[in-house]
Amino acid sequence: MQQPIFITGIGTGIGKTVVAAIITEAIGGDYWKPVQAGIEGGTDREWVSSRITKGTNIIYPEAYLLQMAASPHIAAREENIRITCAGIVKLMPHTQRPLVIEGAGGLLVPLNETEFMADLIHHMNARVILVSRNYLGSINHSLLAASYCKSNNIDVMGWVFNDQYMQYEEEIVAWSGFPIIGSIPFNADCNAWFIREQAANLRPALMQLI
């Protein structure tokens, strides 16, 4: 099994699911979101499945599917469930294709009282793609995420930026020391065509990294 690719980012609502779909499409990988907190309006797994090209790739079911749209440790507590990194790893799919794993929120989203999303990355021995969305304040949030990765020996493949508030990408790349994989323009309708188009754009850079 290849080293999995973990999609995380600088916060919540910054486009991880869109990027995960694009990465999965680009490399012909399998997709897995182990923890989904909040199911109203559909899950991220369903969103990705409806937009990537149907082939031999597999969209795996969640390890934890929680009703409440909240931090995973709170949503799990409401259902008398305790999420652990070890429990997730036991359910981790084994595949010969690249496995694209989408995290919940950012690096320091808690899974329980002592374990965070960053701990799960270590348990999975995953490489990370950091997602940053351009907005006022995203430089600070991006560099904090990058600093945490460096301080905690998290293997970062590079950045994927999305939205186009201002041109922050070059500064974030230079200050963080992590390379850019690609930049995704804002699109209010991220349909299957858009996912395929952006996957084609990112594929050359990704293939050099995996």
Protein backbone atom coordinates (compact mmCIF):
# COMPACT_ATOMS: atom_id res chain seq x y z
CA MET A 1 0.00 0.00 0.00
CA GLN A 2 1.30 3.43 -0.93
CA GLN A 3 1.74 6.11 1.71
CA PRO A 4 -1.71 7.76 1.98
CA ILE A 5 -2.33 11.41 1.11
CA PHE A 6 -4.11 13.35 3.85
CA ILE A 7 -6.03 16.49 2.87
CA THR A 8 -6.12 19.01 5.69
CA GLY A 9 -6.15 22.76 5.82
CA ILE A 10 -5.93 26.00 7.68
CA GLY A 11 -9.46 25.75 9.10
CA THR A 12 -13.03 24.76 8.41
CA GLY A 13 -14.88 25.68 5.23
CA ILE A 14 -11.78 26.34 3.17
CA GLY A 15 -12.41 23.85 0.37
CA LYS A 16 -10.91 20.54 1.54
CA THR A 17 -13.70 18.46 -0.02
CA VAL A 18 -13.35 20.17 -3.40
CA VAL A 19 -9.59 19.68 -3.29
CA ALA A 20 -9.96 16.06 -2.16
CA ALA A 21 -12.23 15.35 -5.14
CA ILE A 22 -9.77 17.02 -7.52
CA ILE A 23 -6.79 15.11 -6.09
CA THR A 24 -8.70 11.80 -6.21
CA GLU A 25 -9.66 12.47 -9.83
CA ALA A 26 -6.15 13.60 -10.79
CA ILE A 27 -4.28 10.56 -9.50
CA GLY A 28 -6.95 7.90 -9.99
CA GLY A 29 -7.06 7.26 -6.26
CA ASP A 30 -9.54 6.00 -3.72
CA TYR A 31 -11.26 8.41 -1.31
CA TRP A 32 -11.97 8.10 2.40
CA LYS A 33 -13.25 10.56 4.97
CA PRO A 34 -12.94 8.65 8.25
CA VAL A 35 -14.86 11.15 10.40
CA GLN A 36 -17.96 12.99 9.17
CA ALA A 37 -19.62 15.23 11.74
CA GLY A 38 -22.93 16.57 10.43
CA ILE A 39 -25.00 14.88 7.75
CA GLU A 40 -27.74 17.41 7.02
CA GLY A 41 -27.61 18.19 3.31
CA GLY A 42 -25.52 15.10 2.57
CA THR A 43 -22.03 13.88 3.37
CA ASP A 44 -18.69 14.80 1.86
CA ARG A 45 -18.37 11.21 0.64
CA GLU A 46 -21.60 11.59 -1.33
CA TRP A 47 -20.46 14.94 -2.73
CA VAL A 48 -17.16 13.52 -3.95
CA SER A 49 -18.77 10.38 -5.35
CA SER A 50 -21.20 12.41 -7.45
CA ARG A 51 -18.42 14.45 -9.07
CA ILE A 52 -15.48 12.21 -9.85
CA THR A 53 -15.26 10.01 -12.92
CA LYS A 54 -16.65 6.55 -12.21
CA GLY A 55 -13.96 3.93 -12.71
CA THR A 56 -12.13 1.37 -10.63
CA ASN A 57 -11.62 3.80 -7.76
CA ILE A 58 -13.48 3.21 -4.51
CA ILE A 59 -15.24 5.75 -2.28
CA TYR A 60 -15.04 4.17 1.17
CA PRO A 61 -17.68 4.64 3.89
CA GLU A 62 -16.87 6.67 6.97
CA ALA A 63 -15.44 5.07 10.10
CA TYR A 64 -17.56 7.49 12.17
CA LEU A 65 -20.71 9.07 10.75
CA LEU A 66 -22.05 11.54 13.32
CA GLN A 67 -25.29 13.47 13.23
CA MET A 68 -24.23 16.78 14.78
CA ALA A 69 -22.35 19.41 12.79
CA ALA A 70 -19.76 20.11 15.46
CA SER A 71 -16.21 19.27 16.45
CA PRO A 72 -15.90 15.47 16.21
CA HIS A 73 -15.25 15.00 19.93
CA ILE A 74 -18.46 16.91 20.77
CA ALA A 75 -20.57 15.21 18.08
CA ALA A 76 -19.30 11.81 19.23
CA ARG A 77 -20.02 12.63 22.87
CA GLU A 78 -23.65 13.36 21.98
CA GLU A 79 -23.95 9.82 20.60
CA ASN A 80 -22.01 8.16 23.44
CA ILE A 81 -19.15 7.33 21.07
CA ARG A 82 -15.44 7.82 21.69
CA ILE A 83 -13.32 8.34 18.60
CA THR A 84 -9.68 7.25 18.79
CA CYS A 85 -6.82 7.31 16.33
CA ALA A 86 -6.24 3.60 16.90
CA GLY A 87 -9.88 2.86 16.17
CA ILE A 88 -9.76 4.77 12.90
CA VAL A 89 -6.51 3.13 11.80
CA LYS A 90 -8.01 -0.32 12.39
CA LEU A 91 -10.68 0.56 9.82
CA MET A 92 -8.29 2.15 7.35
CA PRO A 93 -8.82 0.76 3.82
CA HIS A 94 -6.02 -1.26 2.26
CA THR A 95 -5.76 -0.49 -1.42
CA GLN A 96 -3.17 -0.72 -4.17
CA ARG A 97 -4.28 2.67 -5.50
CA PRO A 98 -3.31 5.95 -3.82
CA LEU A 99 -5.64 6.59 -0.87
CA VAL A 100 -6.83 10.18 -0.50
CA ILE A 101 -7.98 10.84 3.07
CA GLU A 102 -9.98 13.94 3.92
CA GLY A 103 -9.69 15.23 7.45
CA ALA A 104 -12.34 17.07 9.43
CA GLY A 105 -11.53 20.74 9.91
CA GLY A 106 -7.90 21.64 10.53
CA LEU A 107 -4.87 20.07 12.15
CA LEU A 108 -5.89 20.73 15.74
CA VAL A 109 -9.50 19.62 15.54
CA PRO A 110 -9.94 17.30 18.54
CA LEU A 111 -11.03 13.69 18.10
CA ASN A 112 -11.24 13.12 21.85
CA GLU A 113 -9.83 14.64 25.04
CA THR A 114 -6.20 13.98 24.10
CA GLU A 115 -5.96 13.25 20.36
CA PHE A 116 -6.20 15.66 17.46
CA MET A 117 -6.38 15.40 13.68
CA ALA A 118 -2.61 15.89 13.54
CA ASP A 119 -2.17 12.80 15.72
CA LEU A 120 -4.26 10.82 13.24
CA ILE A 121 -1.92 11.91 10.44
CA HIS A 122 1.02 10.44 12.38
CA HIS A 123 -0.86 7.23 13.17
CA MET A 124 -1.58 6.79 9.46
CA ASN A 125 1.97 7.65 8.39
CA ALA A 126 0.35 9.96 5.84
CA ARG A 127 1.73 12.70 3.67
CA VAL A 128 -0.19 15.98 3.85
CA ILE A 129 -1.56 18.38 1.31
CA LEU A 130 -2.40 21.71 2.96
CA VAL A 131 -5.43 23.57 1.65
CA SER A 132 -5.54 27.33 1.99
CA ARG A 133 -8.36 29.58 0.88
CA ASN A 134 -7.50 33.19 0.07
CA TYR A 135 -9.28 35.53 2.48
CA LEU A 136 -8.32 38.38 4.79
CA GLY A 137 -6.34 36.67 7.55
CA SER A 138 -5.40 33.56 5.61
CA ILE A 139 -1.68 34.41 5.62
CA ASN A 140 -1.61 34.17 9.39
CA HIS A 141 -3.72 31.01 9.47
CA SER A 142 -1.67 29.39 6.70
CA LEU A 143 1.68 30.12 8.32
CA LEU A 144 0.44 28.89 11.70
CA ALA A 145 -0.58 25.59 10.08
CA ALA A 146 2.76 25.35 8.30
CA SER A 147 4.67 26.11 11.49
CA TYR A 148 2.78 23.40 13.36
CA CYS A 149 3.59 20.87 10.64
CA LYS A 150 7.30 21.71 10.79
CA SER A 151 7.42 21.61 14.58
CA ASN A 152 5.66 18.25 14.69
CA ASN A 153 7.46 16.51 11.82
CA ILE A 154 4.41 16.26 9.56
CA ASP A 155 5.38 15.38 6.00
CA VAL A 156 3.89 18.12 3.81
CA MET A 157 3.74 17.60 0.05
CA GLY A 158 2.70 21.18 -0.62
CA TRP A 159 -0.10 23.72 -0.86
CA VAL A 160 -3.30 23.81 -2.86
CA PHE A 161 -4.84 27.28 -2.83
CA ASN A 162 -8.39 28.12 -3.73
CA ASP A 163 -10.52 31.23 -4.17
CA GLN A 164 -8.99 34.47 -5.39
CA TYR A 165 -9.44 37.18 -2.77
CA MET A 166 -5.88 38.48 -3.21
CA GLN A 167 -2.60 37.08 -4.45
CA TYR A 168 -1.26 35.58 -1.24
CA GLU A 169 0.09 32.35 -2.70
CA GLU A 170 3.68 33.38 -3.45
CA GLU A 171 4.22 34.90 -0.01
CA ILE A 172 2.78 31.88 1.80
CA VAL A 173 4.92 29.50 -0.26
CA ALA A 174 8.06 31.55 0.38
CA TRP A 175 7.48 32.03 4.10
CA SER A 176 6.34 28.47 4.77
CA GLY A 177 8.97 26.76 2.65
CA PHE A 178 6.36 24.34 1.26
CA PRO A 179 5.87 24.21 -2.53
CA ILE A 180 2.70 25.05 -4.41
CA ILE A 181 0.91 22.14 -6.07
CA GLY A 182 -1.75 24.28 -7.67
CA SER A 183 -4.30 27.06 -7.39
CA ILE A 184 -8.01 26.49 -7.94
CA PRO A 185 -10.17 29.42 -9.06
CA PHE A 186 -13.41 30.25 -7.33
CA ASN A 187 -16.41 28.50 -8.83
CA ALA A 188 -19.90 28.69 -7.35
CA ASP A 189 -20.82 25.45 -9.15
CA CYS A 190 -18.10 22.87 -8.56
CA ASN A 191 -19.64 20.27 -10.86
CA ALA A 192 -18.03 17.14 -12.33
CA TRP A 193 -16.73 19.07 -15.34
CA PHE A 194 -14.96 21.57 -13.09
CA ILE A 195 -13.43 18.77 -11.01
CA ARG A 196 -12.09 17.06 -14.14
CA GLU A 197 -10.71 20.33 -15.52
CA GLN A 198 -8.88 21.20 -12.31
CA ALA A 199 -7.63 17.62 -11.92
CA ALA A 200 -6.00 17.85 -15.35
CA ASN A 201 -4.31 21.09 -14.30
CA LEU A 202 -2.92 19.64 -11.06
CA ARG A 203 -2.01 16.17 -12.38
CA PRO A 204 1.54 16.97 -13.64
CA ALA A 205 2.63 18.49 -10.32
CA LEU A 206 1.02 15.70 -8.31
CA MET A 207 2.63 12.94 -10.35
CA GLN A 208 6.05 14.38 -9.56
CA LEU A 209 5.28 14.15 -5.84
CA ILE A 210 3.73 10.69 -5.48
